[in-house]
Amino acid sequence: MRILFIIDALDDLDIAGDTSYALMLEASRRGHEIWTCGIEHLALEHDDPVAEACPTVIRQGPTAREAFVLDE
């Protein structure tokens, strides 16, 4: 299953105790595909919701820089 998380910029996340990070870790552990974007990347095209999102690899790490890897 693909799961989209609409979050603040990854570099700005304080992952210690961040609920989104915990949910992403668990979803990734269960084999789900994680995608991320910011609210500014959401839009409507002819009443259809669209998002400019990136596949995101989630890992355990002390900082956002070590915990997230964005695919292009």
PDB file of N, CA and C in Angstrom:
ATOM      1  N   MET A   1       0.840  -1.159   0.000  1.00  0.00           N
ATOM      2  CA  MET A   1       0.000   0.000   0.000  1.00  0.00           C
ATOM      3  C   MET A   1       0.901   1.243   0.000  1.00  0.00           C
ATOM      4  N   ARG A   2       0.508   2.259  -0.744  1.00  0.00           N
ATOM      5  CA  ARG A   2       1.207   3.550  -0.717  1.00  0.00           C
ATOM      6  C   ARG A   2       0.535   4.454   0.297  1.00  0.00           C
ATOM      7  N   ILE A   3       1.337   5.090   1.129  1.00  0.00           N
ATOM      8  CA  ILE A   3       0.806   6.011   2.136  1.00  0.00           C
ATOM      9  C   ILE A   3       1.490   7.364   1.945  1.00  0.00           C
ATOM     10  N   LEU A   4       0.682   8.420   1.814  1.00  0.00           N
ATOM     11  CA  LEU A   4       1.203   9.774   1.666  1.00  0.00           C
ATOM     12  C   LEU A   4       1.111  10.491   3.005  1.00  0.00           C
ATOM     13  N   PHE A   5       2.240  11.034   3.454  1.00  0.00           N
ATOM     14  CA  PHE A   5       2.295  11.859   4.656  1.00  0.00           C
ATOM     15  C   PHE A   5       2.486  13.306   4.229  1.00  0.00           C
ATOM     16  N   ILE A   6       1.573  14.172   4.634  1.00  0.00           N
ATOM     17  CA  ILE A   6       1.664  15.600   4.344  1.00  0.00           C
ATOM     18  C   ILE A   6       2.254  16.242   5.592  1.00  0.00           C
ATOM     19  N   ILE A   7       3.513  16.656   5.479  1.00  0.00           N
ATOM     20  CA  ILE A   7       4.267  17.090   6.656  1.00  0.00           C
ATOM     21  C   ILE A   7       5.052  18.361   6.370  1.00  0.00           C
ATOM     22  N   ASP A   8       5.630  18.928   7.424  1.00  0.00           N
ATOM     23  CA  ASP A   8       6.552  20.054   7.282  1.00  0.00           C
ATOM     24  C   ASP A   8       7.800  19.558   6.561  1.00  0.00           C
ATOM     25  N   ALA A   9       8.635  20.479   6.158  1.00  0.00           N
ATOM     26  CA  ALA A   9       9.896  20.108   5.501  1.00  0.00           C
ATOM     27  C   ALA A   9      10.647  19.108   6.379  1.00  0.00           C
ATOM     28  N   LEU A  10      11.159  18.050   5.766  1.00  0.00           N
ATOM     29  CA  LEU A  10      11.816  16.983   6.534  1.00  0.00           C
ATOM     30  C   LEU A  10      12.983  17.503   7.369  1.00  0.00           C
ATOM     31  N   ASP A  11      13.730  18.460   6.834  1.00  0.00           N
ATOM     32  CA  ASP A  11      14.865  18.997   7.584  1.00  0.00           C
ATOM     33  C   ASP A  11      14.436  19.751   8.838  1.00  0.00           C
ATOM     34  N   ASP A  12      13.183  20.205   8.882  1.00  0.00           N
ATOM     35  CA  ASP A  12      12.683  20.972  10.025  1.00  0.00           C
ATOM     36  C   ASP A  12      12.047  20.098  11.099  1.00  0.00           C
ATOM     37  N   LEU A  13      11.861  18.811  10.811  1.00  0.00           N
ATOM     38  CA  LEU A  13      11.209  17.934  11.789  1.00  0.00           C
ATOM     39  C   LEU A  13      12.143  17.620  12.950  1.00  0.00           C
ATOM     40  N   ASP A  14      11.588  17.719  14.151  1.00  0.00           N
ATOM     41  CA  ASP A  14      12.287  17.249  15.345  1.00  0.00           C
ATOM     42  C   ASP A  14      11.768  15.834  15.583  1.00  0.00           C
ATOM     43  N   ILE A  15      12.506  14.847  15.092  1.00  0.00           N
ATOM     44  CA  ILE A  15      11.969  13.481  15.067  1.00  0.00           C
ATOM     45  C   ILE A  15      11.851  12.838  16.443  1.00  0.00           C
ATOM     46  N   ALA A  16      12.499  13.394  17.449  1.00  0.00           N
ATOM     47  CA  ALA A  16      12.356  12.853  18.808  1.00  0.00           C
ATOM     48  C   ALA A  16      10.927  13.138  19.280  1.00  0.00           C
ATOM     49  N   GLY A  17      10.104  12.117  19.262  1.00  0.00           N
ATOM     50  CA  GLY A  17       8.731  12.258  19.721  1.00  0.00           C
ATOM     51  C   GLY A  17       7.758  12.732  18.651  1.00  0.00           C
ATOM     52  N   ASP A  18       8.180  12.851  17.402  1.00  0.00           N
ATOM     53  CA  ASP A  18       7.286  13.285  16.327  1.00  0.00           C
ATOM     54  C   ASP A  18       6.370  12.137  15.914  1.00  0.00           C
ATOM     55  N   THR A  19       5.076  12.351  15.983  1.00  0.00           N
ATOM     56  CA  THR A  19       4.107  11.307  15.679  1.00  0.00           C
ATOM     57  C   THR A  19       4.174  10.864  14.222  1.00  0.00           C
ATOM     58  N   SER A  20       4.334  11.813  13.298  1.00  0.00           N
ATOM     59  CA  SER A  20       4.414  11.454  11.872  1.00  0.00           C
ATOM     60  C   SER A  20       5.586  10.514  11.625  1.00  0.00           C
ATOM     61  N   TYR A  21       6.722  10.803  12.237  1.00  0.00           N
ATOM     62  CA  TYR A  21       7.909   9.960  12.078  1.00  0.00           C
ATOM     63  C   TYR A  21       7.642   8.554  12.613  1.00  0.00           C
ATOM     64  N   ALA A  22       7.009   8.466  13.780  1.00  0.00           N
ATOM     65  CA  ALA A  22       6.694   7.157  14.359  1.00  0.00           C
ATOM     66  C   ALA A  22       5.749   6.373  13.454  1.00  0.00           C
ATOM     67  N   LEU A  23       4.751   7.031  12.895  1.00  0.00           N
ATOM     68  CA  LEU A  23       3.815   6.365  11.987  1.00  0.00           C
ATOM     69  C   LEU A  23       4.516   5.918  10.705  1.00  0.00           C
ATOM     70  N   MET A  24       5.408   6.765  10.169  1.00  0.00           N
ATOM     71  CA  MET A  24       6.149   6.405   8.968  1.00  0.00           C
ATOM     72  C   MET A  24       7.052   5.200   9.216  1.00  0.00           C
ATOM     73  N   LEU A  25       7.729   5.189  10.360  1.00  0.00           N
ATOM     74  CA  LEU A  25       8.598   4.053  10.702  1.00  0.00           C
ATOM     75  C   LEU A  25       7.807   2.753  10.750  1.00  0.00           C
ATOM     76  N   GLU A  26       6.668   2.787  11.417  1.00  0.00           N
ATOM     77  CA  GLU A  26       5.863   1.575  11.563  1.00  0.00           C
ATOM     78  C   GLU A  26       5.286   1.136  10.222  1.00  0.00           C
ATOM     79  N   ALA A  27       4.806   2.069   9.434  1.00  0.00           N
ATOM     80  CA  ALA A  27       4.263   1.722   8.116  1.00  0.00           C
ATOM     81  C   ALA A  27       5.358   1.120   7.236  1.00  0.00           C
ATOM     82  N   SER A  28       6.543   1.698   7.289  1.00  0.00           N
ATOM     83  CA  SER A  28       7.672   1.174   6.515  1.00  0.00           C
ATOM     84  C   SER A  28       8.046  -0.229   6.993  1.00  0.00           C
ATOM     85  N   ARG A  29       8.061  -0.423   8.303  1.00  0.00           N
ATOM     86  CA  ARG A  29       8.378  -1.733   8.876  1.00  0.00           C
ATOM     87  C   ARG A  29       7.399  -2.792   8.391  1.00  0.00           C
ATOM     88  N   ARG A  30       6.153  -2.389   8.178  1.00  0.00           N
ATOM     89  CA  ARG A  30       5.120  -3.319   7.723  1.00  0.00           C
ATOM     90  C   ARG A  30       5.117  -3.496   6.201  1.00  0.00           C
ATOM     91  N   GLY A  31       6.075  -2.866   5.528  1.00  0.00           N
ATOM     92  CA  GLY A  31       6.226  -3.081   4.098  1.00  0.00           C
ATOM     93  C   GLY A  31       5.472  -2.110   3.201  1.00  0.00           C
ATOM     94  N   HIS A  32       4.911  -1.047   3.766  1.00  0.00           N
ATOM     95  CA  HIS A  32       4.178  -0.081   2.965  1.00  0.00           C
ATOM     96  C   HIS A  32       5.139   0.906   2.302  1.00  0.00           C
ATOM     97  N   GLU A  33       4.730   1.427   1.170  1.00  0.00           N
ATOM     98  CA  GLU A  33       5.516   2.414   0.431  1.00  0.00           C
ATOM     99  C   GLU A  33       5.172   3.801   0.984  1.00  0.00           C
ATOM    100  N   ILE A  34       6.188   4.542   1.418  1.00  0.00           N
ATOM    101  CA  ILE A  34       5.983   5.849   2.044  1.00  0.00           C
ATOM    102  C   ILE A  34       6.285   6.960   1.046  1.00  0.00           C
ATOM    103  N   TRP A  35       5.377   7.915   0.952  1.00  0.00           N
ATOM    104  CA  TRP A  35       5.541   9.107   0.136  1.00  0.00           C
ATOM    105  C   TRP A  35       5.342  10.315   1.035  1.00  0.00           C
ATOM    106  N   THR A  36       6.061  11.408   0.765  1.00  0.00           N
ATOM    107  CA  THR A  36       5.914  12.626   1.553  1.00  0.00           C
ATOM    108  C   THR A  36       5.772  13.841   0.645  1.00  0.00           C
ATOM    109  N   CYS A  37       5.084  14.854   1.183  1.00  0.00           N
ATOM    110  CA  CYS A  37       4.993  16.156   0.523  1.00  0.00           C
ATOM    111  C   CYS A  37       4.576  17.182   1.565  1.00  0.00           C
ATOM    112  N   GLY A  38       4.724  18.451   1.208  1.00  0.00           N
ATOM    113  CA  GLY A  38       4.245  19.540   2.048  1.00  0.00           C
ATOM    114  C   GLY A  38       2.874  19.987   1.579  1.00  0.00           C
ATOM    115  N   ILE A  39       2.180  20.730   2.412  1.00  0.00           N
ATOM    116  CA  ILE A  39       0.840  21.185   2.052  1.00  0.00           C
ATOM    117  C   ILE A  39       0.860  22.062   0.806  1.00  0.00           C
ATOM    118  N   GLU A  40       1.995  22.732   0.570  1.00  0.00           N
ATOM    119  CA  GLU A  40       2.114  23.582  -0.616  1.00  0.00           C
ATOM    120  C   GLU A  40       2.197  22.772  -1.912  1.00  0.00           C
ATOM    121  N   HIS A  41       2.336  21.456  -1.794  1.00  0.00           N
ATOM    122  CA  HIS A  41       2.427  20.583  -2.969  1.00  0.00           C
ATOM    123  C   HIS A  41       1.107  19.886  -3.300  1.00  0.00           C
ATOM    124  N   LEU A  42       0.024  20.337  -2.682  1.00  0.00           N
ATOM    125  CA  LEU A  42      -1.302  19.775  -2.948  1.00  0.00           C
ATOM    126  C   LEU A  42      -2.081  20.723  -3.853  1.00  0.00           C
ATOM    127  N   ALA A  43      -2.919  20.159  -4.730  1.00  0.00           N
ATOM    128  CA  ALA A  43      -3.711  20.984  -5.636  1.00  0.00           C
ATOM    129  C   ALA A  43      -4.919  20.196  -6.135  1.00  0.00           C
ATOM    130  N   LEU A  44      -5.754  20.883  -6.883  1.00  0.00           N
ATOM    131  CA  LEU A  44      -6.877  20.259  -7.574  1.00  0.00           C
ATOM    132  C   LEU A  44      -6.710  20.477  -9.067  1.00  0.00           C
ATOM    133  N   GLU A  45      -6.973  19.432  -9.834  1.00  0.00           N
ATOM    134  CA  GLU A  45      -7.031  19.525 -11.287  1.00  0.00           C
ATOM    135  C   GLU A  45      -8.385  18.979 -11.713  1.00  0.00           C
ATOM    136  N   HIS A  46      -9.294  19.876 -12.129  1.00  0.00           N
ATOM    137  CA  HIS A  46     -10.641  19.469 -12.553  1.00  0.00           C
ATOM    138  C   HIS A  46     -11.328  18.653 -11.461  1.00  0.00           C
ATOM    139  N   ASP A  47     -11.319  19.138 -10.257  1.00  0.00           N
ATOM    140  CA  ASP A  47     -11.945  18.484  -9.096  1.00  0.00           C
ATOM    141  C   ASP A  47     -11.242  17.219  -8.630  1.00  0.00           C
ATOM    142  N   ASP A  48     -10.100  16.878  -9.225  1.00  0.00           N
ATOM    143  CA  ASP A  48      -9.327  15.714  -8.800  1.00  0.00           C
ATOM    144  C   ASP A  48      -8.159  16.167  -7.945  1.00  0.00           C
ATOM    145  N   PRO A  49      -8.002  15.582  -6.752  1.00  0.00           N
ATOM    146  CA  PRO A  49      -6.847  15.958  -5.920  1.00  0.00           C
ATOM    147  C   PRO A  49      -5.551  15.429  -6.519  1.00  0.00           C
ATOM    148  N   VAL A  50      -4.515  16.254  -6.512  1.00  0.00           N
ATOM    149  CA  VAL A  50      -3.185  15.853  -6.981  1.00  0.00           C
ATOM    150  C   VAL A  50      -2.149  16.326  -5.967  1.00  0.00           C
ATOM    151  N   ALA A  51      -1.009  15.644  -5.959  1.00  0.00           N
ATOM    152  CA  ALA A  51       0.085  16.013  -5.055  1.00  0.00           C
ATOM    153  C   ALA A  51       1.409  15.807  -5.767  1.00  0.00           C
ATOM    154  N   GLU A  52       2.324  16.722  -5.558  1.00  0.00           N
ATOM    155  CA  GLU A  52       3.698  16.556  -6.019  1.00  0.00           C
ATOM    156  C   GLU A  52       4.459  15.954  -4.838  1.00  0.00           C
ATOM    157  N   ALA A  53       4.609  14.640  -4.847  1.00  0.00           N
ATOM    158  CA  ALA A  53       5.154  13.921  -3.693  1.00  0.00           C
ATOM    159  C   ALA A  53       6.379  13.110  -4.101  1.00  0.00           C
ATOM    160  N   CYS A  54       7.190  12.771  -3.100  1.00  0.00           N
ATOM    161  CA  CYS A  54       8.411  11.990  -3.322  1.00  0.00           C
ATOM    162  C   CYS A  54       8.343  10.676  -2.553  1.00  0.00           C
ATOM    163  N   PRO A  55       8.748   9.570  -3.191  1.00  0.00           N
ATOM    164  CA  PRO A  55       8.921   8.340  -2.422  1.00  0.00           C
ATOM    165  C   PRO A  55      10.007   8.592  -1.368  1.00  0.00           C
ATOM    166  N   THR A  56       9.786   8.106  -0.164  1.00  0.00           N
ATOM    167  CA  THR A  56      10.690   8.409   0.943  1.00  0.00           C
ATOM    168  C   THR A  56      11.066   7.142   1.682  1.00  0.00           C
ATOM    169  N   VAL A  57      12.364   6.922   1.846  1.00  0.00           N
ATOM    170  CA  VAL A  57      12.867   5.799   2.635  1.00  0.00           C
ATOM    171  C   VAL A  57      13.035   6.283   4.070  1.00  0.00           C
ATOM    172  N   ILE A  58      12.488   5.524   5.008  1.00  0.00           N
ATOM    173  CA  ILE A  58      12.521   5.885   6.428  1.00  0.00           C
ATOM    174  C   ILE A  58      13.441   4.924   7.160  1.00  0.00           C
ATOM    175  N   ARG A  59      14.319   5.496   8.007  1.00  0.00           N
ATOM    176  CA  ARG A  59      15.218   4.683   8.840  1.00  0.00           C
ATOM    177  C   ARG A  59      15.209   5.220  10.261  1.00  0.00           C
ATOM    178  N   GLN A  60      15.629   4.389  11.182  1.00  0.00           N
ATOM    179  CA  GLN A  60      15.868   4.855  12.555  1.00  0.00           C
ATOM    180  C   GLN A  60      17.059   5.801  12.501  1.00  0.00           C
ATOM    181  N   GLY A  61      16.961   6.912  13.178  1.00  0.00           N
ATOM    182  CA  GLY A  61      18.080   7.834  13.209  1.00  0.00           C
ATOM    183  C   GLY A  61      17.834   8.950  14.201  1.00  0.00           C
ATOM    184  N   PRO A  62      18.896   9.547  14.709  1.00  0.00           N
ATOM    185  CA  PRO A  62      18.751  10.612  15.712  1.00  0.00           C
ATOM    186  C   PRO A  62      18.345  11.954  15.113  1.00  0.00           C
ATOM    187  N   THR A  63      18.574  12.153  13.803  1.00  0.00           N
ATOM    188  CA  THR A  63      18.219  13.419  13.161  1.00  0.00           C
ATOM    189  C   THR A  63      17.453  13.135  11.869  1.00  0.00           C
ATOM    190  N   ALA A  64      16.730  14.139  11.401  1.00  0.00           N
ATOM    191  CA  ALA A  64      15.965  13.993  10.158  1.00  0.00           C
ATOM    192  C   ALA A  64      16.890  13.689   8.987  1.00  0.00           C
ATOM    193  N   ARG A  65      18.052  14.282   8.962  1.00  0.00           N
ATOM    194  CA  ARG A  65      19.003  14.057   7.864  1.00  0.00           C
ATOM    195  C   ARG A  65      19.386  12.575   7.762  1.00  0.00           C
ATOM    196  N   GLU A  66      19.480  11.895   8.901  1.00  0.00           N
ATOM    197  CA  GLU A  66      19.847  10.473   8.920  1.00  0.00           C
ATOM    198  C   GLU A  66      18.638   9.545   8.784  1.00  0.00           C
ATOM    199  N   ALA A  67      17.460  10.054   9.085  1.00  0.00           N
ATOM    200  CA  ALA A  67      16.259   9.205   9.118  1.00  0.00           C
ATOM    201  C   ALA A  67      15.516   9.139   7.787  1.00  0.00           C
ATOM    202  N   PHE A  68      15.675  10.150   6.929  1.00  0.00           N
ATOM    203  CA  PHE A  68      14.905  10.209   5.686  1.00  0.00           C
ATOM    204  C   PHE A  68      15.815  10.251   4.469  1.00  0.00           C
ATOM    205  N   VAL A  69      15.441   9.485   3.446  1.00  0.00           N
ATOM    206  CA  VAL A  69      16.113   9.542   2.144  1.00  0.00           C
ATOM    207  C   VAL A  69      15.020   9.711   1.096  1.00  0.00           C
ATOM    208  N   LEU A  70      15.056  10.825   0.374  1.00  0.00           N
ATOM    209  CA  LEU A  70      14.058  11.099  -0.664  1.00  0.00           C
ATOM    210  C   LEU A  70      14.533  10.572  -2.007  1.00  0.00           C
ATOM    211  N   ASP A  71      13.643   9.877  -2.709  1.00  0.00           N
ATOM    212  CA  ASP A  71      13.900   9.501  -4.092  1.00  0.00           C
ATOM    213  C   ASP A  71      13.498  10.683  -4.957  1.00  0.00           C
ATOM    214  N   GLU A  72      14.087  10.783  -6.114  1.00  0.00           N
ATOM    215  CA  GLU A  72      13.731  11.898  -7.029  1.00  0.00           C
ATOM    216  C   GLU A  72      12.447  11.565  -7.749  1.00  0.00           C
TER     217      GLU A  72
END
